[in-house]
Amino acid sequence: TKTLQLLKQKLQIAIYMSNLRLQKRLASSVLKCGKRKVWLDPNENSEIANANSRQNIRKLVKDGLIIQKPEAIHSRARVRIRAEAKGKGRHMGHGKRKGTANARMPEKVIWMRRQRVLRRLLKKYRADKKIGCHLYHMLYLRAKGNIFKNKRVLMEHIHKKKAEDVRAKQQADQAQARRDKAKATKAKREERAALKKAERMRLQEVEDEPPITGRP
């Protein structure tokens, strides 16, 4: 008897659904949702079955006989917890990896990111007048040639290069000062030698003059 009752209920539901298929389609169009989201009041079968136009469906919606079912809640709490754990390095062992290291993080992507970081730093330093255009161009080409592993290495190289340039300039200035001093000393020495020579020549001329005799 229980089996017969279940079969009877299923048959009634099938007849009910087949009879109201048009109403469900119209309701989904009116409510702008899928047919599986439309709820028809089972206690108002006959009234809903008589509604064969969109206008009648809108009236039933207004009366509350046809309702749009709410969105099913799909919680992302577990996903957030797992993502946070992955951020810490959990669930990332050898057993969880499916592709090669290059497939998981391509070398080209790493290279592009590194180049963009280095070039952005060089551009910022050039805009701030920390480096000149010649040094910028030299460092740009060196970055392209894979000389700098990261931004820290590039910054250290820039500071080192600037210190070397300052030191070279100081040494050049000191050398120039020494040359100027030597040139001035040489000029003074030559001037003194010329004066001494002139003095000797004058004395020689005085000695060579004939002595002055008395009256004739």
N, C-alpha and C. Protein backbone atom coordinates (compact mmCIF):
# COMPACT_ATOMS: atom_id res chain seq x y z
N THR A 1 0.83 -1.21 0.00
CA THR A 1 0.00 0.00 0.00
C THR A 1 0.86 1.26 0.00
N LYS A 2 1.96 1.22 0.80
CA LYS A 2 2.84 2.39 0.85
C LYS A 2 3.45 2.67 -0.52
N THR A 3 3.84 1.59 -1.22
CA THR A 3 4.43 1.75 -2.55
C THR A 3 3.42 2.38 -3.51
N LEU A 4 2.14 1.92 -3.41
CA LEU A 4 1.10 2.47 -4.29
C LEU A 4 0.87 3.95 -4.00
N GLN A 5 0.91 4.31 -2.70
CA GLN A 5 0.72 5.73 -2.34
C GLN A 5 1.86 6.60 -2.89
N LEU A 6 3.11 6.10 -2.79
CA LEU A 6 4.24 6.85 -3.32
C LEU A 6 4.14 7.04 -4.83
N LEU A 7 3.72 5.95 -5.51
CA LEU A 7 3.57 6.04 -6.96
C LEU A 7 2.48 7.04 -7.33
N LYS A 8 1.41 7.03 -6.55
CA LYS A 8 0.30 7.95 -6.80
C LYS A 8 0.74 9.41 -6.62
N GLN A 9 1.53 9.65 -5.55
CA GLN A 9 2.02 11.00 -5.30
C GLN A 9 2.94 11.47 -6.44
N LYS A 10 3.85 10.59 -6.86
CA LYS A 10 4.74 10.93 -7.95
C LYS A 10 3.97 11.23 -9.23
N LEU A 11 2.91 10.44 -9.49
CA LEU A 11 2.10 10.66 -10.68
C LEU A 11 1.39 12.01 -10.61
N GLN A 12 0.88 12.35 -9.40
CA GLN A 12 0.21 13.64 -9.23
C GLN A 12 1.18 14.80 -9.45
N ILE A 13 2.41 14.63 -8.93
CA ILE A 13 3.42 15.70 -9.09
C ILE A 13 3.78 15.86 -10.57
N ALA A 14 3.90 14.71 -11.27
CA ALA A 14 4.24 14.77 -12.69
C ALA A 14 3.14 15.45 -13.48
N ILE A 15 1.87 15.10 -13.17
CA ILE A 15 0.74 15.73 -13.86
C ILE A 15 0.71 17.23 -13.57
N TYR A 16 0.98 17.57 -12.30
CA TYR A 16 0.96 18.98 -11.86
C TYR A 16 2.04 19.77 -12.59
N MET A 17 3.25 19.17 -12.66
CA MET A 17 4.35 19.86 -13.32
C MET A 17 4.10 20.01 -14.81
N SER A 18 3.53 18.94 -15.43
CA SER A 18 3.28 19.01 -16.87
C SER A 18 2.18 20.02 -17.17
N ASN A 19 1.22 20.11 -16.29
CA ASN A 19 0.12 21.06 -16.51
C ASN A 19 0.61 22.51 -16.37
N LEU A 20 1.56 22.75 -15.46
CA LEU A 20 2.03 24.11 -15.18
C LEU A 20 3.35 24.44 -15.87
N ARG A 21 3.72 23.68 -16.88
CA ARG A 21 4.99 23.93 -17.56
C ARG A 21 4.96 25.29 -18.27
N LEU A 22 3.85 25.62 -18.89
CA LEU A 22 3.71 26.92 -19.56
C LEU A 22 3.83 28.06 -18.56
N GLN A 23 3.14 27.93 -17.41
CA GLN A 23 3.15 28.99 -16.40
C GLN A 23 4.57 29.20 -15.84
N LYS A 24 5.30 28.09 -15.67
CA LYS A 24 6.67 28.21 -15.15
C LYS A 24 7.56 28.91 -16.17
N ARG A 25 7.38 28.59 -17.45
CA ARG A 25 8.18 29.24 -18.49
C ARG A 25 7.88 30.73 -18.56
N LEU A 26 6.60 31.08 -18.51
CA LEU A 26 6.24 32.50 -18.56
C LEU A 26 6.74 33.24 -17.32
N ALA A 27 6.65 32.56 -16.17
CA ALA A 27 7.10 33.19 -14.92
C ALA A 27 8.61 33.44 -14.95
N SER A 28 9.37 32.48 -15.49
CA SER A 28 10.83 32.68 -15.58
C SER A 28 11.16 33.84 -16.50
N SER A 29 10.35 34.02 -17.55
CA SER A 29 10.57 35.14 -18.47
C SER A 29 10.22 36.47 -17.80
N VAL A 30 9.13 36.46 -17.04
CA VAL A 30 8.69 37.70 -16.36
C VAL A 30 9.66 38.08 -15.25
N LEU A 31 10.08 37.08 -14.48
CA LEU A 31 10.98 37.34 -13.35
C LEU A 31 12.45 37.46 -13.75
N LYS A 32 12.74 37.15 -15.05
CA LYS A 32 14.12 37.21 -15.56
C LYS A 32 15.05 36.31 -14.75
N CYS A 33 14.65 35.05 -14.64
CA CYS A 33 15.47 34.06 -13.94
C CYS A 33 15.23 32.71 -14.60
N GLY A 34 15.92 31.68 -14.13
CA GLY A 34 15.74 30.35 -14.67
C GLY A 34 14.46 29.70 -14.16
N LYS A 35 14.02 28.65 -14.87
CA LYS A 35 12.79 27.97 -14.47
C LYS A 35 12.94 27.25 -13.14
N ARG A 36 14.17 26.83 -12.83
CA ARG A 36 14.39 26.14 -11.56
C ARG A 36 14.31 27.09 -10.36
N LYS A 37 14.32 28.41 -10.65
CA LYS A 37 14.22 29.39 -9.56
C LYS A 37 12.80 29.88 -9.33
N VAL A 38 11.85 29.33 -10.11
CA VAL A 38 10.44 29.76 -9.97
C VAL A 38 9.72 28.83 -9.01
N TRP A 39 9.04 29.43 -8.02
CA TRP A 39 8.23 28.66 -7.07
C TRP A 39 6.76 28.95 -7.30
N LEU A 40 5.97 27.88 -7.54
CA LEU A 40 4.53 28.00 -7.73
C LEU A 40 3.81 27.47 -6.50
N ASP A 41 2.87 28.22 -6.02
CA ASP A 41 2.15 27.82 -4.81
C ASP A 41 1.34 26.55 -5.08
N PRO A 42 1.66 25.42 -4.40
CA PRO A 42 0.94 24.17 -4.69
C PRO A 42 -0.52 24.19 -4.24
N ASN A 43 -0.87 25.14 -3.36
CA ASN A 43 -2.26 25.21 -2.88
C ASN A 43 -3.16 25.98 -3.84
N GLU A 44 -2.56 26.65 -4.83
CA GLU A 44 -3.36 27.45 -5.77
C GLU A 44 -3.17 26.93 -7.18
N ASN A 45 -3.27 25.60 -7.31
CA ASN A 45 -3.04 24.95 -8.60
C ASN A 45 -3.97 25.46 -9.68
N SER A 46 -5.22 25.47 -9.38
CA SER A 46 -6.23 25.80 -10.41
C SER A 46 -6.08 27.24 -10.87
N GLU A 47 -5.86 28.16 -9.94
CA GLU A 47 -5.73 29.58 -10.32
C GLU A 47 -4.49 29.80 -11.18
N ILE A 48 -3.37 29.14 -10.80
CA ILE A 48 -2.14 29.30 -11.57
C ILE A 48 -2.32 28.68 -12.95
N ALA A 49 -3.04 27.53 -13.02
CA ALA A 49 -3.23 26.85 -14.30
C ALA A 49 -4.05 27.71 -15.26
N ASN A 50 -4.92 28.57 -14.75
CA ASN A 50 -5.75 29.43 -15.61
C ASN A 50 -4.97 30.61 -16.20
N ALA A 51 -3.77 30.91 -15.60
CA ALA A 51 -2.97 32.04 -16.07
C ALA A 51 -2.21 31.59 -17.30
N ASN A 52 -2.62 32.11 -18.48
CA ASN A 52 -1.97 31.70 -19.73
C ASN A 52 -1.35 32.88 -20.48
N SER A 53 -1.12 34.00 -19.76
CA SER A 53 -0.49 35.16 -20.40
C SER A 53 0.48 35.81 -19.39
N ARG A 54 1.36 36.61 -19.91
CA ARG A 54 2.33 37.26 -19.04
C ARG A 54 1.66 38.25 -18.09
N GLN A 55 0.60 38.86 -18.55
CA GLN A 55 -0.11 39.80 -17.69
C GLN A 55 -0.70 39.09 -16.47
N ASN A 56 -1.30 37.91 -16.72
CA ASN A 56 -1.85 37.14 -15.61
C ASN A 56 -0.74 36.66 -14.66
N ILE A 57 0.41 36.29 -15.25
CA ILE A 57 1.56 35.84 -14.43
C ILE A 57 2.04 36.99 -13.54
N ARG A 58 2.08 38.22 -14.12
CA ARG A 58 2.52 39.37 -13.32
C ARG A 58 1.57 39.60 -12.16
N LYS A 59 0.28 39.38 -12.38
CA LYS A 59 -0.71 39.55 -11.31
C LYS A 59 -0.49 38.51 -10.21
N LEU A 60 -0.21 37.27 -10.62
CA LEU A 60 0.05 36.22 -9.63
C LEU A 60 1.33 36.50 -8.84
N VAL A 61 2.33 37.05 -9.54
CA VAL A 61 3.58 37.42 -8.84
C VAL A 61 3.29 38.51 -7.82
N LYS A 62 2.48 39.46 -8.21
CA LYS A 62 2.13 40.55 -7.30
C LYS A 62 1.35 40.03 -6.09
N ASP A 63 0.50 39.01 -6.33
CA ASP A 63 -0.29 38.43 -5.24
C ASP A 63 0.52 37.48 -4.37
N GLY A 64 1.69 37.08 -4.85
CA GLY A 64 2.54 36.19 -4.05
C GLY A 64 2.33 34.72 -4.32
N LEU A 65 1.58 34.39 -5.36
CA LEU A 65 1.37 32.98 -5.69
C LEU A 65 2.56 32.40 -6.46
N ILE A 66 3.29 33.27 -7.13
CA ILE A 66 4.52 32.88 -7.85
C ILE A 66 5.66 33.71 -7.27
N ILE A 67 6.70 33.02 -6.85
CA ILE A 67 7.83 33.69 -6.18
C ILE A 67 9.13 33.22 -6.82
N GLN A 68 10.07 34.15 -6.88
CA GLN A 68 11.43 33.78 -7.32
C GLN A 68 12.22 33.27 -6.11
N LYS A 69 12.73 32.06 -6.21
CA LYS A 69 13.47 31.47 -5.09
C LYS A 69 14.76 32.26 -4.84
N PRO A 70 15.19 32.37 -3.60
CA PRO A 70 16.44 33.11 -3.31
C PRO A 70 17.65 32.33 -3.80
N GLU A 71 18.74 33.07 -3.99
CA GLU A 71 20.00 32.44 -4.42
C GLU A 71 20.51 31.50 -3.33
N ALA A 72 20.96 30.34 -3.76
CA ALA A 72 21.51 29.38 -2.80
C ALA A 72 22.85 29.91 -2.28
N ILE A 73 23.04 29.88 -0.99
CA ILE A 73 24.28 30.38 -0.39
C ILE A 73 25.39 29.37 -0.60
N HIS A 74 26.47 29.84 -1.23
CA HIS A 74 27.64 28.99 -1.46
C HIS A 74 28.81 29.61 -0.71
N SER A 75 29.03 29.12 0.49
CA SER A 75 30.02 29.74 1.36
C SER A 75 31.44 29.57 0.82
N ARG A 76 32.22 30.65 0.95
CA ARG A 76 33.63 30.61 0.55
C ARG A 76 34.54 30.62 1.77
N ALA A 77 34.01 30.37 2.92
CA ALA A 77 34.82 30.41 4.15
C ALA A 77 35.96 29.39 4.08
N ARG A 78 35.62 28.15 3.66
CA ARG A 78 36.65 27.11 3.58
C ARG A 78 37.71 27.45 2.53
N VAL A 79 37.28 28.08 1.44
CA VAL A 79 38.22 28.47 0.39
C VAL A 79 39.18 29.53 0.92
N ARG A 80 38.66 30.50 1.68
CA ARG A 80 39.52 31.56 2.23
C ARG A 80 40.53 30.98 3.22
N ILE A 81 40.06 30.04 4.05
CA ILE A 81 40.97 29.43 5.03
C ILE A 81 42.09 28.69 4.30
N ARG A 82 41.74 27.96 3.24
CA ARG A 82 42.76 27.21 2.50
C ARG A 82 43.72 28.15 1.76
N ALA A 83 43.17 29.24 1.21
CA ALA A 83 44.03 30.19 0.51
C ALA A 83 45.01 30.85 1.47
N GLU A 84 44.53 31.16 2.67
CA GLU A 84 45.41 31.75 3.68
C GLU A 84 46.52 30.76 4.05
N ALA A 85 46.15 29.48 4.20
CA ALA A 85 47.15 28.46 4.52
C ALA A 85 48.17 28.32 3.38
N LYS A 86 47.69 28.38 2.14
CA LYS A 86 48.59 28.28 0.99
C LYS A 86 49.54 29.47 0.95
N GLY A 87 49.05 30.63 1.38
CA GLY A 87 49.91 31.79 1.45
C GLY A 87 51.07 31.59 2.41
N LYS A 88 50.86 30.76 3.42
CA LYS A 88 51.91 30.43 4.39
C LYS A 88 52.80 29.28 3.91
N GLY A 89 52.42 28.66 2.76
CA GLY A 89 53.23 27.58 2.22
C GLY A 89 52.68 26.19 2.48
N ARG A 90 51.52 26.10 3.14
CA ARG A 90 50.93 24.78 3.37
C ARG A 90 50.31 24.25 2.08
N HIS A 91 50.11 22.96 2.01
CA HIS A 91 49.47 22.28 0.86
C HIS A 91 50.20 22.57 -0.45
N MET A 92 51.50 22.81 -0.38
CA MET A 92 52.24 23.14 -1.60
C MET A 92 53.44 22.20 -1.80
N GLY A 93 53.39 21.03 -1.17
CA GLY A 93 54.50 20.09 -1.26
C GLY A 93 54.56 19.39 -2.61
N HIS A 94 55.47 18.42 -2.72
CA HIS A 94 55.66 17.72 -3.99
C HIS A 94 54.40 16.97 -4.42
N GLY A 95 53.63 16.48 -3.46
CA GLY A 95 52.44 15.73 -3.81
C GLY A 95 51.33 16.57 -4.39
N LYS A 96 51.40 17.90 -4.20
CA LYS A 96 50.35 18.79 -4.69
C LYS A 96 50.72 19.43 -6.03
N ARG A 97 51.91 19.16 -6.52
CA ARG A 97 52.36 19.82 -7.74
C ARG A 97 52.07 18.93 -8.95
N LYS A 98 51.49 19.55 -10.00
CA LYS A 98 51.12 18.80 -11.19
C LYS A 98 52.02 19.10 -12.39
N GLY A 99 52.54 20.31 -12.48
CA GLY A 99 53.37 20.67 -13.63
C GLY A 99 54.82 20.88 -13.23
N THR A 100 55.66 21.12 -14.24
CA THR A 100 57.07 21.40 -13.97
C THR A 100 57.20 22.77 -13.33
N ALA A 101 58.41 23.03 -12.80
CA ALA A 101 58.65 24.32 -12.15
C ALA A 101 58.48 25.45 -13.16
N ASN A 102 58.91 25.22 -14.40
CA ASN A 102 58.79 26.26 -15.43
C ASN A 102 57.34 26.46 -15.85
N ALA A 103 56.52 25.39 -15.76
CA ALA A 103 55.11 25.52 -16.09
C ALA A 103 54.35 26.24 -14.98
N ARG A 104 54.75 26.00 -13.73
CA ARG A 104 54.06 26.63 -12.60
C ARG A 104 54.42 28.11 -12.48
N MET A 105 55.67 28.45 -12.72
CA MET A 105 56.10 29.85 -12.72
C MET A 105 57.14 30.01 -13.83
N PRO A 106 56.72 30.44 -15.04
CA PRO A 106 57.63 30.48 -16.18
C PRO A 106 58.83 31.40 -15.95
N GLU A 107 59.96 30.98 -16.47
CA GLU A 107 61.17 31.79 -16.36
C GLU A 107 61.01 33.13 -17.06
N LYS A 108 60.25 33.12 -18.14
CA LYS A 108 60.04 34.37 -18.89
C LYS A 108 59.28 35.39 -18.04
N VAL A 109 58.28 34.92 -17.30
CA VAL A 109 57.51 35.83 -16.44
C VAL A 109 58.41 36.41 -15.35
N ILE A 110 59.26 35.56 -14.76
CA ILE A 110 60.19 36.03 -13.73
C ILE A 110 61.13 37.08 -14.31
N TRP A 111 61.65 36.80 -15.52
CA TRP A 111 62.57 37.74 -16.19
C TRP A 111 61.87 39.08 -16.46
N MET A 112 60.64 39.02 -16.97
CA MET A 112 59.90 40.25 -17.28
C MET A 112 59.66 41.07 -16.02
N ARG A 113 59.28 40.40 -14.94
CA ARG A 113 59.03 41.13 -13.69
C ARG A 113 60.31 41.79 -13.19
N ARG A 114 61.43 41.05 -13.25
CA ARG A 114 62.70 41.60 -12.76
C ARG A 114 63.12 42.81 -13.60
N GLN A 115 63.00 42.68 -14.93
CA GLN A 115 63.38 43.80 -15.79
C GLN A 115 62.52 45.02 -15.54
N ARG A 116 61.23 44.82 -15.31
CA ARG A 116 60.34 45.96 -15.07
C ARG A 116 60.68 46.65 -13.76
N VAL A 117 61.02 45.85 -12.74
CA VAL A 117 61.41 46.43 -11.45
C VAL A 117 62.68 47.27 -11.61
N LEU A 118 63.70 46.70 -12.28
CA LEU A 118 64.97 47.41 -12.43
C LEU A 118 64.80 48.66 -13.29
N ARG A 119 64.05 48.55 -14.38
CA ARG A 119 63.87 49.70 -15.27
C ARG A 119 63.05 50.79 -14.59
N ARG A 120 62.07 50.39 -13.77
CA ARG A 120 61.29 51.38 -13.03
C ARG A 120 62.17 52.14 -12.05
N LEU A 121 63.10 51.42 -11.39
CA LEU A 121 64.01 52.07 -10.45
C LEU A 121 64.95 53.03 -11.18
N LEU A 122 65.50 52.60 -12.32
CA LEU A 122 66.39 53.47 -13.09
C LEU A 122 65.66 54.73 -13.56
N LYS A 123 64.44 54.56 -14.01
CA LYS A 123 63.66 55.71 -14.47
C LYS A 123 63.39 56.69 -13.32
N LYS A 124 63.10 56.16 -12.14
CA LYS A 124 62.84 57.01 -10.97
C LYS A 124 64.11 57.77 -10.57
N TYR A 125 65.25 57.07 -10.56
CA TYR A 125 66.51 57.72 -10.20
C TYR A 125 66.88 58.81 -11.21
N ARG A 126 66.61 58.54 -12.49
CA ARG A 126 66.93 59.55 -13.51
C ARG A 126 66.01 60.77 -13.36
N ALA A 127 64.73 60.53 -13.04
CA ALA A 127 63.81 61.64 -12.85
C ALA A 127 64.17 62.47 -11.63
N ASP A 128 64.69 61.81 -10.58
CA ASP A 128 65.09 62.52 -9.36
C ASP A 128 66.49 63.11 -9.44
N LYS A 129 67.12 63.02 -10.62
CA LYS A 129 68.47 63.56 -10.84
C LYS A 129 69.53 62.86 -9.97
N LYS A 130 69.27 61.63 -9.56
CA LYS A 130 70.26 60.89 -8.79
C LYS A 130 71.33 60.29 -9.70
N ILE A 131 70.96 60.03 -10.95
CA ILE A 131 71.93 59.53 -11.93
C ILE A 131 71.74 60.33 -13.21
N GLY A 132 72.81 60.43 -13.98
CA GLY A 132 72.74 61.13 -15.25
C GLY A 132 72.26 60.22 -16.37
N CYS A 133 72.06 60.82 -17.54
CA CYS A 133 71.54 60.03 -18.66
C CYS A 133 72.56 59.01 -19.15
N HIS A 134 73.86 59.34 -19.07
CA HIS A 134 74.88 58.39 -19.52
C HIS A 134 74.95 57.16 -18.60
N LEU A 135 74.93 57.44 -17.27
CA LEU A 135 74.93 56.32 -16.32
C LEU A 135 73.65 55.49 -16.44
N TYR A 136 72.53 56.18 -16.69
CA TYR A 136 71.25 55.49 -16.87
C TYR A 136 71.34 54.51 -18.05
N HIS A 137 71.88 54.98 -19.16
CA HIS A 137 71.96 54.14 -20.36
C HIS A 137 72.89 52.94 -20.11
N MET A 138 74.01 53.19 -19.44
CA MET A 138 74.94 52.10 -19.16
C MET A 138 74.30 51.05 -18.26
N LEU A 139 73.61 51.50 -17.20
CA LEU A 139 72.97 50.56 -16.27
C LEU A 139 71.79 49.84 -16.92
N TYR A 140 71.08 50.54 -17.82
CA TYR A 140 69.96 49.92 -18.54
C TYR A 140 70.46 48.72 -19.35
N LEU A 141 71.56 48.92 -20.07
CA LEU A 141 72.09 47.83 -20.89
C LEU A 141 72.65 46.71 -20.02
N ARG A 142 73.24 47.07 -18.88
CA ARG A 142 73.76 46.03 -17.99
C ARG A 142 72.61 45.23 -17.37
N ALA A 143 71.51 45.90 -17.03
CA ALA A 143 70.35 45.17 -16.51
C ALA A 143 69.81 44.21 -17.57
N LYS A 144 69.79 44.65 -18.81
CA LYS A 144 69.35 43.78 -19.90
C LYS A 144 70.30 42.61 -20.08
N GLY A 145 71.58 42.80 -19.75
CA GLY A 145 72.56 41.74 -19.87
C GLY A 145 72.63 40.84 -18.66
N ASN A 146 71.66 40.93 -17.76
CA ASN A 146 71.54 40.01 -16.60
C ASN A 146 72.69 40.20 -15.60
N ILE A 147 73.12 41.46 -15.42
CA ILE A 147 74.20 41.74 -14.47
C ILE A 147 73.65 41.82 -13.04
N PHE A 148 72.43 42.38 -12.89
CA PHE A 148 71.87 42.64 -11.57
C PHE A 148 70.79 41.60 -11.25
N LYS A 149 70.95 40.94 -10.10
CA LYS A 149 70.01 39.88 -9.72
C LYS A 149 68.69 40.45 -9.22
N ASN A 150 68.77 41.59 -8.51
CA ASN A 150 67.55 42.19 -7.97
C ASN A 150 67.79 43.69 -7.77
N LYS A 151 66.79 44.35 -7.20
CA LYS A 151 66.86 45.80 -7.03
C LYS A 151 67.95 46.20 -6.04
N ARG A 152 68.13 45.41 -5.00
CA ARG A 152 69.14 45.74 -3.98
C ARG A 152 70.54 45.78 -4.60
N VAL A 153 70.84 44.78 -5.45
CA VAL A 153 72.16 44.72 -6.09
C VAL A 153 72.35 45.95 -7.00
N LEU A 154 71.30 46.33 -7.71
CA LEU A 154 71.39 47.50 -8.59
C LEU A 154 71.63 48.78 -7.78
N MET A 155 70.92 48.93 -6.67
CA MET A 155 71.11 50.11 -5.83
C MET A 155 72.53 50.18 -5.27
N GLU A 156 73.03 49.03 -4.81
CA GLU A 156 74.41 49.00 -4.30
C GLU A 156 75.40 49.37 -5.39
N HIS A 157 75.17 48.89 -6.62
CA HIS A 157 76.06 49.20 -7.73
C HIS A 157 76.02 50.70 -8.03
N ILE A 158 74.82 51.29 -7.97
CA ILE A 158 74.69 52.73 -8.25
C ILE A 158 75.46 53.54 -7.21
N HIS A 159 75.28 53.20 -5.92
CA HIS A 159 75.99 53.92 -4.86
C HIS A 159 77.51 53.77 -5.02
N LYS A 160 77.93 52.53 -5.35
CA LYS A 160 79.36 52.28 -5.52
C LYS A 160 79.91 53.08 -6.70
N LYS A 161 79.17 53.09 -7.80
CA LYS A 161 79.60 53.80 -9.00
C LYS A 161 79.68 55.30 -8.73
N LYS A 162 78.67 55.84 -8.02
CA LYS A 162 78.69 57.27 -7.72
C LYS A 162 79.86 57.63 -6.81
N ALA A 163 80.16 56.75 -5.82
CA ALA A 163 81.30 56.99 -4.93
C ALA A 163 82.61 56.96 -5.72
N GLU A 164 82.71 56.00 -6.67
CA GLU A 164 83.91 55.93 -7.50
C GLU A 164 84.05 57.18 -8.36
N ASP A 165 82.94 57.66 -8.91
CA ASP A 165 83.00 58.88 -9.73
C ASP A 165 83.44 60.08 -8.90
N VAL A 166 82.91 60.18 -7.66
CA VAL A 166 83.30 61.29 -6.78
C VAL A 166 84.79 61.20 -6.47
N ARG A 167 85.24 59.96 -6.17
CA ARG A 167 86.65 59.77 -5.84
C ARG A 167 87.54 60.10 -7.05
N ALA A 168 87.12 59.66 -8.23
CA ALA A 168 87.90 59.95 -9.44
C ALA A 168 87.96 61.45 -9.71
N LYS A 169 86.82 62.13 -9.48
CA LYS A 169 86.79 63.58 -9.68
C LYS A 169 87.72 64.29 -8.70
N GLN A 170 87.68 63.84 -7.43
CA GLN A 170 88.58 64.43 -6.43
C GLN A 170 90.04 64.22 -6.82
N GLN A 171 90.36 62.99 -7.25
CA GLN A 171 91.74 62.71 -7.66
C GLN A 171 92.14 63.55 -8.87
N ALA A 172 91.21 63.71 -9.82
CA ALA A 172 91.51 64.53 -10.99
C ALA A 172 91.72 65.99 -10.58
N ASP A 173 90.86 66.47 -9.67
CA ASP A 173 91.02 67.86 -9.20
C ASP A 173 92.35 68.03 -8.47
N GLN A 174 92.70 67.04 -7.63
CA GLN A 174 93.98 67.13 -6.91
C GLN A 174 95.16 67.10 -7.88
N ALA A 175 95.07 66.23 -8.89
CA ALA A 175 96.15 66.16 -9.89
C ALA A 175 96.26 67.47 -10.65
N GLN A 176 95.11 68.05 -11.00
CA GLN A 176 95.12 69.33 -11.71
C GLN A 176 95.71 70.43 -10.83
N ALA A 177 95.33 70.38 -9.52
CA ALA A 177 95.88 71.38 -8.59
C ALA A 177 97.40 71.23 -8.48
N ARG A 178 97.89 69.97 -8.42
CA ARG A 178 99.33 69.75 -8.37
C ARG A 178 100.02 70.26 -9.63
N ARG A 179 99.38 69.99 -10.78
CA ARG A 179 99.96 70.47 -12.04
C ARG A 179 100.01 72.00 -12.08
N ASP A 180 98.93 72.63 -11.63
CA ASP A 180 98.91 74.10 -11.61
C ASP A 180 99.97 74.65 -10.68
N LYS A 181 100.09 73.99 -9.51
CA LYS A 181 101.09 74.44 -8.54
C LYS A 181 102.50 74.27 -9.10
N ALA A 182 102.75 73.12 -9.74
CA ALA A 182 104.07 72.87 -10.33
C ALA A 182 104.35 73.88 -11.44
N LYS A 183 103.32 74.18 -12.23
CA LYS A 183 103.50 75.15 -13.30
C LYS A 183 103.82 76.54 -12.74
N ALA A 184 103.10 76.92 -11.65
CA ALA A 184 103.35 78.22 -11.03
C ALA A 184 104.76 78.26 -10.43
N THR A 185 105.16 77.15 -9.78
CA THR A 185 106.50 77.09 -9.19
C THR A 185 107.57 77.19 -10.27
N LYS A 186 107.35 76.49 -11.38
CA LYS A 186 108.31 76.53 -12.48
C LYS A 186 108.41 77.94 -13.06
N ALA A 187 107.23 78.58 -13.19
CA ALA A 187 107.25 79.94 -13.72
C ALA A 187 108.02 80.89 -12.81
N LYS A 188 107.79 80.74 -11.47
CA LYS A 188 108.52 81.58 -10.51
C LYS A 188 110.02 81.31 -10.59
N ARG A 189 110.37 80.01 -10.70
CA ARG A 189 111.78 79.65 -10.77
C ARG A 189 112.43 80.22 -12.03
N GLU A 190 111.72 80.11 -13.13
CA GLU A 190 112.26 80.67 -14.37
C GLU A 190 112.39 82.18 -14.29
N GLU A 191 111.39 82.80 -13.61
CA GLU A 191 111.45 84.26 -13.46
C GLU A 191 112.65 84.67 -12.61
N ARG A 192 112.87 83.92 -11.51
CA ARG A 192 114.03 84.24 -10.66
C ARG A 192 115.34 84.01 -11.42
N ALA A 193 115.39 82.90 -12.19
CA ALA A 193 116.60 82.63 -12.97
C ALA A 193 116.85 83.74 -13.99
N ALA A 194 115.77 84.21 -14.61
CA ALA A 194 115.92 85.28 -15.60
C ALA A 194 116.42 86.57 -14.93
N LEU A 195 115.86 86.84 -13.73
CA LEU A 195 116.30 88.04 -13.02
C LEU A 195 117.78 87.93 -12.64
N LYS A 196 118.19 86.73 -12.16
CA LYS A 196 119.59 86.52 -11.79
C LYS A 196 120.50 86.67 -13.01
N LYS A 197 120.05 86.13 -14.12
CA LYS A 197 120.85 86.21 -15.35
C LYS A 197 121.00 87.66 -15.79
N ALA A 198 119.87 88.40 -15.69
CA ALA A 198 119.93 89.81 -16.08
C ALA A 198 120.87 90.58 -15.16
N GLU A 199 120.80 90.23 -13.85
CA GLU A 199 121.69 90.91 -12.88
C GLU A 199 123.15 90.60 -13.19
N ARG A 200 123.46 89.32 -13.51
CA ARG A 200 124.84 88.96 -13.83
C ARG A 200 125.33 89.69 -15.08
N MET A 201 124.46 89.74 -16.07
CA MET A 201 124.84 90.42 -17.30
C MET A 201 125.10 91.91 -17.06
N ARG A 202 124.29 92.51 -16.18
CA ARG A 202 124.49 93.93 -15.88
C ARG A 202 125.82 94.15 -15.19
N LEU A 203 126.11 93.24 -14.21
CA LEU A 203 127.39 93.36 -13.51
C LEU A 203 128.56 93.14 -14.46
N GLN A 204 128.40 92.20 -15.39
CA GLN A 204 129.46 91.93 -16.36
C GLN A 204 129.71 93.14 -17.24
N GLU A 205 128.61 93.80 -17.64
CA GLU A 205 128.76 94.99 -18.47
C GLU A 205 129.49 96.09 -17.71
N VAL A 206 129.16 96.21 -16.41
CA VAL A 206 129.81 97.24 -15.59
C VAL A 206 131.29 96.95 -15.48
N GLU A 207 131.64 95.68 -15.29
CA GLU A 207 133.05 95.30 -15.16
C GLU A 207 133.80 95.53 -16.47
N ASP A 208 133.13 95.28 -17.59
CA ASP A 208 133.78 95.41 -18.88
C ASP A 208 133.96 96.86 -19.34
N GLU A 209 133.29 97.79 -18.70
CA GLU A 209 133.43 99.19 -19.09
C GLU A 209 134.87 99.65 -18.78
N PRO A 210 135.47 100.48 -19.70
CA PRO A 210 136.83 100.98 -19.44
C PRO A 210 136.83 101.95 -18.25
N PRO A 211 137.90 101.95 -17.51
CA PRO A 211 137.94 102.84 -16.35
C PRO A 211 137.99 104.31 -16.77
N ILE A 212 137.45 105.19 -15.99
CA ILE A 212 137.37 106.62 -16.29
C ILE A 212 138.71 107.24 -15.87
N THR A 213 139.46 107.90 -16.79
CA THR A 213 140.78 108.54 -16.51
C THR A 213 140.58 110.02 -16.20
N GLY A 214 141.69 110.69 -15.79
CA GLY A 214 141.62 112.13 -15.47
C GLY A 214 141.50 112.97 -16.72
N ARG A 215 141.63 114.33 -16.51
CA ARG A 215 141.51 115.21 -17.63
C ARG A 215 142.73 115.08 -18.57
N PRO A 216 142.56 115.29 -19.87
CA PRO A 216 143.69 115.23 -20.78
C PRO A 216 144.54 116.48 -20.69
